[in-house]
């Protein structure tokens, strides 16, 4: 949270007062309003946000009334942006008792002097009377809510500061793709390092374009909003489908990751039923799916989205373990080498990098989670600098250690019976248990929206649907157990379009008065993205077919 916790301790607790809040706002267009977890405001483009969170633009059309309506709510949970206090939870918990006592005193004083301390909200007797009524319902806020009062009576909408946004963004851009970056050098030669830098630079540029789009059009709050603002309803549906396909194949990759790494930890586990024998990979994959299945029935993960912070810890463990193994294990070291370039492996490298930098669909969430959006560019710069550093460290050290034997999951190359290996494997297998439900929920909610209203909230429909998604992801993972090639396929077919093509073309459509150079640059980036996407998709499919 951007300020001291004691300054933001009270909020409106009951949504029943929304109508009164809106009446006050109608009298004061420049003021912010209060709602449980939502912001009610008027933008500079003739649009407004009503009590249910819908953004109504000037022509009466609401972005959030279009499918997928649950996008922002569910994707907020993919990073800790939904609960920016998650990082400081332990620190803040120590002061909760003192904050409650102090805040009760402050709100009492604030009540006595409301007319002098909140001039923007009380320009006339009617609105002051309404505000007095509302303030009587103020209660202590739970951690992670959006609208608070300063003790002066001024409303403050909190958000993430730069450090928290960097943490959120880093956990978004550095995930399981980290395990495959050493194999890009094995597949494409040392030229893959240059491709990593090139691709990261392009994605940084398109991230900047996304920010500019949101600054130009204040109604763009989510990635589907960008698609709709630029390309109409087709654009909204198209970018949403891209995102959900990415999520589904990420679920498949999690199953592959989980089963193969658990099999390294427990190589003797097997299942036998009737005449069917299942080895450790299949057995542990099924057991993992059964363990995580009950969690997948949850529909709201915002209160526990801070568990995604564990992914950052996993990244640190992997990087440190590689260095530790390389420096302390005999017959490994950092002495392997390889050719400068392998032309037929470069599309694989680009596909993997596309998967690694596939966080653009959530960048609008990060942008709007910030308390000071002017600092988003600074946060984005730090995020990319950190992610590039980690990817380079793991890619180069991993290949120098294992050379042409580098696996698509670098953890499978680590020597057995090593403490560092054991810690890394456990961090690797624990992360999917938390991340898998977080990734499945947006996909499941989007499908539930397509059902008739009387079925979409019926547990007799929700449970079979989510069970089918889990079962299908396990089946696909078993049918196509090629972690690196599947990652390259998804990165090429889906992620390159979402991270490069859509932002570049969308900016041309949304921005006005662009120079010829700017337009040419955006189109050049889009064409390059499409070209690499086609080559990478073809290469991945070819490699998958020839791997059987």
Protein backbone atom coordinates (compact mmCIF):
# COMPACT_ATOMS: atom_id res chain seq x y z
CA UNK A 1 0.00 0.00 0.00
CA UNK A 2 1.24 3.40 -0.94
CA UNK A 3 1.08 5.04 2.50
CA UNK A 4 1.03 4.28 6.19
CA UNK A 5 -1.61 1.73 7.11
CA UNK A 6 -3.04 3.85 9.89
CA UNK A 7 -3.91 6.56 7.38
CA UNK A 8 -6.21 4.28 5.40
CA UNK A 9 -8.03 2.33 8.05
CA UNK A 10 -11.70 3.09 7.39
CA UNK A 11 -14.00 2.37 4.50
CA UNK A 12 -17.68 2.12 3.70
CA UNK A 13 -18.63 -1.41 4.67
CA UNK A 14 -22.08 -1.83 3.21
CA UNK A 15 -23.02 -1.63 -0.44
CA UNK A 16 -26.52 -0.57 0.53
CA UNK A 17 -25.33 3.03 0.63
CA UNK A 18 -24.15 3.08 -2.99
CA UNK A 19 -27.16 5.05 -4.19
CA UNK A 20 -26.45 7.77 -1.64
CA UNK A 21 -22.81 7.86 -2.66
CA UNK A 22 -23.76 8.26 -6.31
CA UNK A 23 -26.06 11.15 -5.39
CA UNK A 24 -23.14 12.90 -3.73
CA UNK A 25 -20.93 12.29 -6.74
CA UNK A 26 -23.59 13.72 -9.05
CA UNK A 27 -23.16 16.98 -7.12
CA UNK A 28 -19.36 16.80 -7.24
CA UNK A 29 -18.02 15.35 -10.48
CA UNK A 30 -14.41 15.72 -9.54
CA UNK A 31 -14.59 13.72 -6.32
CA UNK A 32 -13.87 10.03 -5.90
CA UNK A 33 -16.53 7.75 -4.43
CA UNK A 34 -16.63 4.86 -2.08
CA UNK A 35 -17.55 1.28 -2.76
CA UNK A 36 -16.50 -2.10 -1.43
CA UNK A 37 -13.55 -2.97 -3.59
CA UNK A 38 -14.59 -0.78 -6.56
CA UNK A 39 -14.03 2.80 -7.62
CA UNK A 40 -16.92 5.01 -8.76
CA UNK A 41 -15.65 7.94 -10.76
CA UNK A 42 -16.17 10.07 -13.81
CA UNK A 43 -13.50 10.04 -16.48
CA UNK A 44 -12.37 12.75 -18.83
CA UNK A 45 -14.00 10.95 -21.74
CA UNK A 46 -17.60 11.24 -20.70
CA UNK A 47 -17.75 7.82 -19.12
CA UNK A 48 -18.52 6.76 -15.60
CA UNK A 49 -18.17 3.80 -13.33
CA UNK A 50 -21.44 2.80 -11.68
CA UNK A 51 -21.98 1.01 -8.42
CA UNK A 52 -21.53 -2.51 -9.80
CA UNK A 53 -18.17 -1.63 -11.30
CA UNK A 54 -19.37 -1.36 -14.91
CA UNK A 55 -17.70 1.31 -17.00
CA UNK A 56 -20.31 3.05 -19.12
CA UNK A 57 -18.89 5.03 -22.02
CA UNK A 58 -20.50 8.01 -23.63
CA UNK A 59 -22.73 6.04 -26.02
CA UNK A 60 -24.19 4.03 -23.13
CA UNK A 61 -22.15 0.93 -23.90
CA UNK A 62 -20.44 -0.82 -21.00
CA UNK A 63 -17.18 -2.70 -21.54
CA UNK A 64 -17.75 -4.89 -18.50
CA UNK A 65 -21.20 -5.95 -19.74
CA UNK A 66 -19.51 -7.80 -22.58
CA UNK A 67 -18.01 -11.26 -22.30
CA UNK A 68 -15.83 -11.91 -20.37
CA UNK A 69 -17.35 -9.88 -17.53
CA UNK A 70 -15.30 -11.65 -14.88
CA UNK A 71 -11.95 -10.89 -16.52
CA UNK A 72 -10.62 -8.27 -14.13
CA UNK A 73 -11.89 -9.93 -10.97
CA UNK A 74 -10.35 -13.28 -11.86
CA UNK A 75 -7.10 -12.02 -13.39
CA UNK A 76 -6.36 -9.79 -10.39
CA UNK A 77 -5.73 -13.04 -8.56
CA UNK A 78 -2.95 -14.05 -10.96
CA UNK A 79 -0.66 -11.62 -9.17
CA UNK A 80 -0.72 -10.11 -5.69
CA UNK A 81 -1.98 -6.83 -7.21
CA UNK A 82 -5.40 -7.77 -5.86
CA UNK A 83 -4.06 -7.57 -2.33
CA UNK A 84 -1.14 -5.15 -2.39
CA UNK A 85 -0.76 -5.45 1.35
CA UNK A 86 0.19 -9.11 0.99
CA UNK A 87 3.86 -8.19 0.96
CA UNK A 88 3.61 -6.21 4.17
CA UNK A 89 1.08 -8.46 5.87
CA UNK A 90 3.33 -9.54 8.73
CA UNK A 91 4.59 -6.04 9.34
CA UNK A 92 1.10 -4.54 9.33
CA UNK A 93 -0.35 -7.28 11.51
CA UNK A 94 1.87 -6.13 14.36
CA UNK A 95 0.19 -2.73 14.35
CA UNK A 96 -3.44 -3.68 13.80
CA UNK A 97 -4.50 -3.30 17.43
CA UNK A 98 -2.93 0.13 17.74
CA UNK A 99 -4.42 1.19 14.40
CA UNK A 100 -7.95 0.23 15.45
CA UNK A 101 -7.71 2.24 18.67
CA UNK A 102 -6.12 5.24 17.00
CA UNK A 103 -8.54 5.21 14.09
CA UNK A 104 -11.61 5.11 16.33
CA UNK A 105 -10.32 8.25 18.02
CA UNK A 106 -9.54 9.88 14.68
CA UNK A 107 -12.92 9.15 13.12
CA UNK A 108 -14.66 10.58 16.19
CA UNK A 109 -12.68 13.80 15.80
CA UNK A 110 -13.32 13.78 12.08
CA UNK A 111 -17.08 13.56 12.73
CA UNK A 112 -16.99 16.63 14.89
CA UNK A 113 -15.29 18.75 12.34
CA UNK A 114 -16.54 17.23 9.11
CA UNK A 115 -17.62 20.54 7.62
CA UNK A 116 -14.17 22.04 7.96
CA UNK A 117 -12.17 18.97 7.04
CA UNK A 118 -14.01 17.62 3.99
CA UNK A 119 -14.96 20.65 1.87
CA UNK A 120 -15.04 18.72 -1.42
CA UNK A 121 -17.65 16.33 -0.09
CA UNK A 122 -19.81 18.83 1.76
CA UNK A 123 -20.45 21.92 -0.39
CA UNK A 124 -24.07 22.02 0.64
CA UNK A 125 -26.15 20.94 3.60
CA UNK A 126 -27.83 18.09 1.77
CA UNK A 127 -24.65 16.32 0.75
CA UNK A 128 -23.12 16.98 4.19
CA UNK A 129 -26.11 15.34 5.83
CA UNK A 130 -25.78 12.38 3.49
CA UNK A 131 -22.09 12.11 4.18
CA UNK A 132 -22.69 12.22 7.94
CA UNK A 133 -25.08 9.33 7.54
CA UNK A 134 -22.59 7.38 5.48
CA UNK A 135 -19.70 8.02 7.82
CA UNK A 136 -21.67 6.53 10.68
CA UNK A 137 -21.37 3.16 8.94
CA UNK A 138 -17.60 3.29 8.72
CA UNK A 139 -15.86 0.25 10.15
CA UNK A 140 -12.35 -1.07 10.34
CA UNK A 141 -11.22 -2.21 6.90
CA UNK A 142 -9.79 -5.60 6.20
CA UNK A 143 -6.47 -5.71 4.44
CA UNK A 144 -6.70 -5.51 0.68
CA UNK A 145 -9.73 -3.25 0.20
CA UNK A 146 -9.74 -0.32 -2.16
CA UNK A 147 -11.35 2.80 -0.68
CA UNK A 148 -10.34 4.37 2.59
CA UNK A 149 -10.65 7.64 4.50
CA UNK A 150 -7.79 9.69 5.75
CA UNK A 151 -8.41 11.04 9.25
CA UNK A 152 -9.01 14.43 7.69
CA UNK A 153 -12.12 13.08 5.99
CA UNK A 154 -10.48 13.01 2.56
CA UNK A 155 -11.05 9.77 0.68
CA UNK A 156 -7.94 8.00 -0.55
CA UNK A 157 -8.02 5.19 -3.06
CA UNK A 158 -5.00 3.09 -2.21
CA UNK A 159 -2.87 1.07 -4.56
CA UNK A 160 0.51 -0.49 -5.02
CA UNK A 161 3.66 1.56 -4.84
CA UNK A 162 6.54 1.03 -7.27
CA UNK A 163 8.19 -1.68 -5.17
CA UNK A 164 5.00 -3.69 -4.87
CA UNK A 165 4.23 -3.30 -8.56
CA UNK A 166 7.73 -4.50 -9.43
CA UNK A 167 7.20 -7.53 -7.21
CA UNK A 168 3.84 -8.23 -8.87
CA UNK A 169 5.25 -7.78 -12.35
CA UNK A 170 8.32 -9.89 -11.68
CA UNK A 171 6.15 -12.79 -10.47
CA UNK A 172 4.08 -12.33 -13.61
CA UNK A 173 6.91 -12.34 -16.15
CA UNK A 174 9.23 -14.87 -14.51
CA UNK A 175 7.49 -18.21 -14.08
CA UNK A 176 7.86 -21.77 -15.32
CA UNK A 177 9.36 -20.47 -18.57
CA UNK A 178 12.54 -19.98 -16.55
CA UNK A 179 13.06 -23.76 -16.56
CA UNK A 180 13.29 -23.87 -20.35
CA UNK A 181 15.49 -20.89 -21.16
CA UNK A 182 18.75 -22.92 -20.93
CA UNK A 183 17.37 -25.27 -23.60
CA UNK A 184 16.99 -22.33 -26.00
CA UNK A 185 20.79 -22.12 -26.23
CA UNK A 186 20.96 -25.89 -26.69
CA UNK A 187 18.39 -25.65 -29.51
CA UNK A 188 19.37 -22.37 -31.16
CA UNK A 189 22.99 -21.80 -30.17
CA UNK A 190 24.46 -18.80 -28.42
CA UNK A 191 22.51 -16.54 -30.78
CA UNK A 192 19.49 -17.32 -28.57
CA UNK A 193 20.98 -14.99 -25.95
CA UNK A 194 20.77 -12.15 -28.44
CA UNK A 195 17.20 -13.18 -29.30
CA UNK A 196 16.30 -13.03 -25.62
CA UNK A 197 17.53 -9.45 -25.39
CA UNK A 198 15.79 -8.53 -28.65
CA UNK A 199 12.50 -10.07 -27.63
CA UNK A 200 12.60 -8.51 -24.17
CA UNK A 201 13.25 -5.11 -25.76
CA UNK A 202 10.29 -5.52 -28.12
CA UNK A 203 8.00 -6.60 -25.27
CA UNK A 204 9.16 -3.64 -23.21
CA UNK A 205 8.24 -1.40 -26.14
CA UNK A 206 4.78 -2.97 -26.51
CA UNK A 207 4.31 -2.66 -22.75
CA UNK A 208 4.97 1.05 -23.16
CA UNK A 209 2.37 1.13 -25.96
CA UNK A 210 -0.16 -0.52 -23.66
CA UNK A 211 0.46 2.17 -21.08
CA UNK A 212 -0.03 4.89 -23.68
CA UNK A 213 -3.32 3.30 -24.78
CA UNK A 214 -4.61 3.37 -21.19
CA UNK A 215 -3.53 6.98 -20.78
CA UNK A 216 -5.31 7.98 -23.98
CA UNK A 217 -8.50 6.04 -23.32
CA UNK A 218 -9.34 5.98 -19.61
CA UNK A 219 -12.01 3.33 -20.20
CA UNK A 220 -9.37 0.67 -20.94
CA UNK A 221 -9.06 -1.21 -17.67
CA UNK A 222 -8.43 -4.75 -18.91
CA UNK A 223 -6.78 -6.36 -21.92
CA UNK A 224 -10.15 -7.21 -23.53
CA UNK A 225 -11.08 -3.54 -23.16
CA UNK A 226 -8.04 -2.71 -25.28
CA UNK A 227 -9.15 -5.19 -27.94
CA UNK A 228 -12.63 -3.70 -27.98
CA UNK A 229 -11.43 -0.09 -28.03
CA UNK A 230 -9.18 -0.85 -30.99
CA UNK A 231 -11.07 -3.48 -32.99
CA UNK A 232 -14.64 -3.54 -31.68
CA UNK A 233 -16.44 -6.58 -30.31
CA UNK A 234 -14.38 -8.91 -32.49
CA UNK A 235 -11.20 -7.56 -30.92
CA UNK A 236 -12.55 -8.10 -27.41
CA UNK A 237 -13.50 -11.70 -28.12
CA UNK A 238 -10.28 -12.40 -30.03
CA UNK A 239 -7.86 -11.19 -27.33
CA UNK A 240 -9.94 -12.93 -24.67
CA UNK A 241 -9.72 -16.23 -26.53
CA UNK A 242 -5.96 -15.76 -26.90
CA UNK A 243 -5.65 -15.27 -23.17
CA UNK A 244 -7.80 -18.25 -22.25
CA UNK A 245 -5.95 -20.56 -24.65
CA UNK A 246 -2.74 -19.42 -23.02
CA UNK A 247 -4.18 -20.24 -19.60
CA UNK A 248 -5.34 -23.68 -20.70
CA UNK A 249 -1.98 -24.69 -22.12
CA UNK A 250 -0.31 -23.30 -19.01
CA UNK A 251 -2.43 -25.76 -17.04
CA UNK A 252 -1.16 -28.52 -19.32
CA UNK A 253 2.41 -27.41 -18.74
CA UNK A 254 1.86 -27.39 -14.98
CA UNK A 255 0.72 -31.02 -15.11
CA UNK A 256 3.77 -32.00 -17.17
CA UNK A 257 6.04 -30.08 -14.81
CA UNK A 258 4.46 -31.56 -11.71
CA UNK A 259 4.50 -35.17 -12.85
CA UNK A 260 8.05 -35.19 -14.20
CA UNK A 261 9.62 -33.43 -11.21
CA UNK A 262 7.71 -35.51 -8.67
CA UNK A 263 8.87 -38.62 -10.54
CA UNK A 264 12.44 -37.45 -9.99
CA UNK A 265 11.73 -37.12 -6.28
CA UNK A 266 9.76 -40.39 -6.00
CA UNK A 267 10.95 -42.67 -8.82
CA UNK A 268 9.42 -45.82 -7.31
CA UNK A 269 5.79 -44.66 -7.12
CA UNK A 270 3.35 -46.47 -9.41
CA UNK A 271 -0.34 -47.31 -9.72
CA UNK A 272 -1.86 -50.56 -10.87
CA UNK A 273 -5.55 -51.06 -11.46
CA UNK A 274 -6.74 -54.27 -13.03
CA UNK A 275 -4.41 -54.96 -15.90
CA UNK A 276 -3.33 -51.34 -16.25
CA UNK A 277 0.06 -50.31 -14.91
CA UNK A 278 0.99 -46.64 -14.58
CA UNK A 279 4.58 -45.57 -14.02
CA UNK A 280 5.71 -42.77 -11.70
CA UNK A 281 5.11 -39.92 -14.18
CA UNK A 282 1.49 -40.85 -14.91
CA UNK A 283 0.74 -41.95 -11.35
CA UNK A 284 2.05 -38.78 -9.75
CA UNK A 285 0.37 -36.62 -12.37
CA UNK A 286 -3.01 -38.16 -11.53
CA UNK A 287 -2.40 -37.95 -7.78
CA UNK A 288 -1.43 -34.28 -8.10
CA UNK A 289 -4.58 -33.52 -10.08
CA UNK A 290 -6.74 -35.22 -7.43
CA UNK A 291 -5.07 -33.20 -4.67
CA UNK A 292 -5.53 -29.86 -6.40
CA UNK A 293 -9.05 -30.58 -7.71
CA UNK A 294 -11.01 -29.44 -4.60
CA UNK A 295 -9.19 -26.09 -4.61
CA UNK A 296 -10.27 -25.58 -8.23
CA UNK A 297 -13.91 -25.40 -7.13
CA UNK A 298 -13.28 -22.03 -5.46
CA UNK A 299 -14.54 -19.10 -7.52
CA UNK A 300 -12.88 -16.14 -5.78
CA UNK A 301 -9.15 -16.22 -5.06
CA UNK A 302 -8.64 -12.51 -4.44
CA UNK A 303 -8.29 -12.89 -0.68
CA UNK A 304 -5.54 -15.51 -1.06
CA UNK A 305 -3.85 -14.23 -4.21
CA UNK A 306 -0.75 -13.39 -2.15
CA UNK A 307 0.22 -17.08 -2.42
CA UNK A 308 1.51 -16.26 -5.90
CA UNK A 309 4.44 -14.65 -4.10
CA UNK A 310 5.74 -18.19 -3.64
CA UNK A 311 6.63 -18.19 -7.33
CA UNK A 312 9.24 -15.50 -6.72
CA UNK A 313 10.78 -17.62 -3.98
CA UNK A 314 10.88 -20.56 -6.40
CA UNK A 315 12.68 -18.46 -9.00
CA UNK A 316 15.31 -17.43 -6.47
CA UNK A 317 15.79 -21.04 -5.39
CA UNK A 318 16.27 -22.26 -8.97
CA UNK A 319 18.83 -19.58 -9.77
CA UNK A 320 20.78 -20.09 -6.55
CA UNK A 321 20.66 -23.88 -6.89
CA UNK A 322 22.13 -23.75 -10.37
CA UNK A 323 25.01 -21.64 -9.16
CA UNK A 324 25.50 -23.86 -6.13
CA UNK A 325 25.48 -27.08 -8.16
CA UNK A 326 27.79 -25.63 -10.77
CA UNK A 327 30.34 -24.46 -8.23
CA UNK A 328 30.27 -27.36 -5.75
CA UNK A 329 29.49 -30.52 -7.73
CA UNK A 330 32.29 -32.52 -9.29
CA UNK A 331 32.25 -33.20 -13.05
CA UNK A 332 29.79 -30.37 -13.75
CA UNK A 333 31.20 -26.86 -13.47
CA UNK A 334 30.67 -24.18 -16.14
CA UNK A 335 32.76 -25.50 -18.99
CA UNK A 336 30.29 -26.69 -21.66
CA UNK A 337 30.15 -24.92 -25.00
CA UNK A 338 28.17 -24.97 -28.22
CA UNK A 339 27.86 -23.45 -31.70
CA UNK A 340 27.15 -19.79 -32.24
CA UNK A 341 23.88 -20.41 -34.06
CA UNK A 342 21.59 -23.28 -35.00
CA UNK A 343 19.19 -21.83 -37.50
CA UNK A 344 16.55 -24.54 -37.23
CA UNK A 345 16.37 -24.04 -33.46
CA UNK A 346 15.83 -20.28 -33.44
CA UNK A 347 12.01 -20.52 -33.86
CA UNK A 348 11.96 -22.74 -30.76
CA UNK A 349 13.88 -20.08 -28.84
CA UNK A 350 11.52 -17.33 -29.92
CA UNK A 351 8.52 -19.45 -28.90
CA UNK A 352 9.93 -20.08 -25.43
CA UNK A 353 10.75 -16.40 -24.98
CA UNK A 354 7.23 -15.58 -26.13
CA UNK A 355 5.87 -17.78 -23.36
CA UNK A 356 8.24 -16.20 -20.82
CA UNK A 357 7.12 -12.65 -21.65
CA UNK A 358 3.41 -13.41 -21.97
CA UNK A 359 2.30 -11.11 -19.15
CA UNK A 360 0.90 -8.29 -21.29
CA UNK A 361 -2.66 -9.56 -20.78
CA UNK A 362 -2.31 -8.65 -17.09
CA UNK A 363 -0.33 -5.41 -17.47
CA UNK A 364 -3.52 -3.29 -17.41
CA UNK A 365 -4.31 -4.83 -14.02
CA UNK A 366 -0.89 -3.84 -12.73
CA UNK A 367 -1.25 -0.34 -14.17
CA UNK A 368 -4.60 0.28 -12.50
CA UNK A 369 -3.43 -1.26 -9.22
CA UNK A 370 -0.86 1.53 -8.76
CA UNK A 371 -1.53 4.44 -6.47
CA UNK A 372 0.54 6.71 -8.72
CA UNK A 373 0.10 5.60 -12.33
CA UNK A 374 2.70 8.10 -13.52
CA UNK A 375 5.32 5.79 -12.03
CA UNK A 376 4.19 2.76 -14.01
CA UNK A 377 6.87 3.34 -16.64
CA UNK A 378 9.52 3.28 -13.92
CA UNK A 379 8.08 0.06 -12.50
CA UNK A 380 7.91 -1.51 -15.97
CA UNK A 381 11.56 -0.64 -16.60
CA UNK A 382 12.66 -2.26 -13.36
CA UNK A 383 10.51 -5.34 -14.02
CA UNK A 384 12.11 -5.95 -17.40
CA UNK A 385 15.60 -5.23 -16.12
CA UNK A 386 15.20 -7.78 -13.33
CA UNK A 387 13.55 -10.41 -15.54
CA UNK A 388 16.23 -10.10 -18.22
CA UNK A 389 18.94 -10.47 -15.58
CA UNK A 390 17.38 -13.64 -14.14
CA UNK A 391 16.69 -15.19 -17.56
CA UNK A 392 20.25 -14.51 -18.71
CA UNK A 393 21.72 -15.91 -15.49
CA UNK A 394 19.74 -19.16 -15.67
CA UNK A 395 20.06 -19.58 -19.46
CA UNK A 396 23.83 -19.10 -19.59
CA UNK A 397 24.73 -20.92 -16.38
CA UNK A 398 22.38 -23.80 -17.17
CA UNK A 399 23.81 -24.38 -20.63
CA UNK A 400 27.40 -23.99 -19.45
CA UNK A 401 26.71 -26.72 -16.91
CA UNK A 402 24.95 -29.29 -19.11
CA UNK A 403 25.67 -28.28 -22.72
CA UNK A 404 23.97 -30.38 -25.39
CA UNK A 405 22.37 -32.56 -22.69
CA UNK A 406 20.33 -29.63 -21.36
CA UNK A 407 16.73 -30.72 -20.77
CA UNK A 408 13.69 -28.57 -21.50
CA UNK A 409 13.24 -28.56 -17.71
CA UNK A 410 16.59 -27.62 -16.22
CA UNK A 411 15.55 -29.13 -12.87
CA UNK A 412 15.67 -32.59 -14.45
CA UNK A 413 19.37 -32.08 -15.18
CA UNK A 414 20.25 -31.40 -11.56
CA UNK A 415 22.16 -34.27 -9.91
CA UNK A 416 20.26 -36.60 -7.61
CA UNK A 417 21.09 -36.91 -3.91
CA UNK A 418 21.91 -33.22 -3.64
CA UNK A 419 20.43 -30.94 -1.01
CA UNK A 420 20.22 -28.07 -3.51
CA UNK A 421 18.45 -30.35 -5.99
CA UNK A 422 15.94 -31.54 -3.41
CA UNK A 423 15.09 -27.99 -2.33
CA UNK A 424 14.72 -26.85 -5.93
CA UNK A 425 12.53 -29.79 -6.90
CA UNK A 426 10.23 -29.23 -3.94
CA UNK A 427 9.91 -25.53 -4.73
CA UNK A 428 9.18 -26.47 -8.34
CA UNK A 429 6.46 -28.98 -7.49
CA UNK A 430 4.81 -26.89 -4.76
CA UNK A 431 4.30 -23.84 -6.97
CA UNK A 432 1.80 -25.54 -9.35
CA UNK A 433 -0.37 -26.63 -6.42
CA UNK A 434 -1.08 -22.95 -5.75
CA UNK A 435 -0.83 -21.54 -9.26
CA UNK A 436 -2.92 -24.18 -11.02
CA UNK A 437 -6.26 -23.15 -9.39
CA UNK A 438 -5.42 -19.47 -9.92
CA UNK A 439 -4.96 -20.09 -13.65
CA UNK A 440 -7.98 -22.35 -14.01
CA UNK A 441 -10.42 -19.96 -12.34
CA UNK A 442 -10.47 -17.22 -15.04
CA UNK A 443 -10.94 -19.85 -17.74
CA UNK A 444 -13.73 -21.61 -15.85
CA UNK A 445 -15.50 -18.36 -14.98
CA UNK A 446 -15.44 -17.25 -18.61
CA UNK A 447 -17.06 -20.53 -19.68
CA UNK A 448 -19.64 -20.29 -16.89
CA UNK A 449 -20.65 -16.86 -18.21
CA UNK A 450 -21.67 -18.49 -21.49
CA UNK A 451 -24.17 -20.73 -19.72
CA UNK A 452 -27.79 -19.73 -19.05
CA UNK A 453 -28.12 -17.62 -15.88
CA UNK A 454 -29.88 -20.35 -13.94
CA UNK A 455 -26.94 -22.70 -14.60
CA UNK A 456 -23.94 -20.39 -14.37
CA UNK A 457 -24.13 -20.16 -10.57
CA UNK A 458 -25.37 -23.69 -10.00
CA UNK A 459 -22.83 -25.91 -8.30
CA UNK A 460 -24.24 -28.93 -10.11
CA UNK A 461 -22.93 -27.28 -13.26
CA UNK A 462 -19.81 -25.58 -11.87
CA UNK A 463 -18.28 -28.73 -10.39
CA UNK A 464 -18.58 -30.89 -13.56
CA UNK A 465 -17.25 -28.05 -15.73
CA UNK A 466 -14.17 -27.45 -13.60
CA UNK A 467 -13.59 -31.16 -13.16
CA UNK A 468 -13.69 -31.56 -16.95
CA UNK A 469 -11.07 -28.81 -17.35
CA UNK A 470 -8.75 -30.50 -14.87
CA UNK A 471 -9.22 -33.94 -16.42
CA UNK A 472 -8.71 -32.64 -19.95
CA UNK A 473 -5.51 -30.80 -18.99
CA UNK A 474 -4.14 -34.00 -17.46
CA UNK A 475 -5.04 -35.98 -20.59
CA UNK A 476 -3.43 -33.47 -22.92
CA UNK A 477 -0.30 -33.40 -20.76
CA UNK A 478 -0.06 -37.19 -20.95
CA UNK A 479 -0.70 -37.22 -24.71
CA UNK A 480 1.80 -34.43 -25.46
CA UNK A 481 4.45 -34.74 -22.72
CA UNK A 482 6.96 -32.46 -24.42
CA UNK A 483 7.39 -29.57 -22.01
CA UNK A 484 9.67 -27.39 -24.14
CA UNK A 485 7.95 -27.96 -27.47
CA UNK A 486 4.49 -27.31 -26.04
CA UNK A 487 5.81 -24.14 -24.43
CA UNK A 488 7.29 -23.00 -27.74
CA UNK A 489 3.99 -23.83 -29.49
CA UNK A 490 1.92 -21.75 -27.05
CA UNK A 491 4.47 -18.95 -27.05
CA UNK A 492 4.43 -18.77 -30.84
CA UNK A 493 0.75 -19.30 -31.58
CA UNK A 494 -0.78 -17.34 -28.71
CA UNK A 495 1.67 -15.32 -26.65
CA UNK A 496 3.46 -13.58 -29.53
CA UNK A 497 0.12 -12.31 -30.80
CA UNK A 498 -0.97 -11.07 -27.38
CA UNK A 499 2.36 -9.55 -26.37
CA UNK A 500 3.51 -8.02 -29.66
CA UNK A 501 0.90 -7.89 -32.40
CA UNK A 502 -2.18 -6.76 -30.44
CA UNK A 503 -0.47 -3.90 -28.52
CA UNK A 504 1.28 -2.60 -31.65
CA UNK A 505 -1.81 -2.61 -33.88
CA UNK A 506 -4.05 -1.50 -31.02
CA UNK A 507 -1.92 1.57 -30.38
CA UNK A 508 -2.19 2.60 -34.03
CA UNK A 509 -5.99 2.33 -33.82
CA UNK A 510 -6.39 4.09 -30.47
CA UNK A 511 -3.77 6.84 -30.63
CA UNK A 512 -4.39 9.90 -32.75
CA UNK A 513 -2.05 12.13 -34.72
CA UNK A 514 0.78 9.61 -34.89
CA UNK A 515 3.72 10.49 -37.08
CA UNK A 516 4.61 8.37 -40.09
CA UNK A 517 7.66 7.03 -38.29
CA UNK A 518 5.56 5.93 -35.32
CA UNK A 519 3.03 4.19 -37.55
CA UNK A 520 5.75 2.44 -39.57
CA UNK A 521 7.50 1.30 -36.37
CA UNK A 522 4.29 -0.17 -34.94
CA UNK A 523 3.43 -1.96 -38.17
CA UNK A 524 6.99 -3.27 -38.45
CA UNK A 525 6.79 -4.71 -34.94
CA UNK A 526 3.43 -6.30 -35.72
CA UNK A 527 4.67 -7.84 -38.99
CA UNK A 528 7.76 -9.19 -37.29
CA UNK A 529 5.60 -10.71 -34.55
CA UNK A 530 3.29 -12.37 -37.07
CA UNK A 531 6.23 -13.74 -39.06
CA UNK A 532 7.92 -15.23 -36.02
CA UNK A 533 4.58 -16.58 -34.79
CA UNK A 534 4.04 -18.49 -38.04
CA UNK A 535 7.59 -19.86 -38.12
CA UNK A 536 7.53 -20.80 -34.43
CA UNK A 537 4.15 -22.50 -34.65
CA UNK A 538 5.21 -24.57 -37.65
CA UNK A 539 8.52 -25.50 -36.02
CA UNK A 540 6.84 -26.51 -32.75
CA UNK A 541 4.25 -28.69 -34.44
CA UNK A 542 6.98 -30.32 -36.53
CA UNK A 543 9.08 -31.03 -33.43
CA UNK A 544 6.11 -32.42 -31.49
CA UNK A 545 5.15 -34.79 -34.31
CA UNK A 546 8.71 -36.06 -34.73
CA UNK A 547 9.14 -36.58 -30.99
CA UNK A 548 6.78 -39.56 -30.88
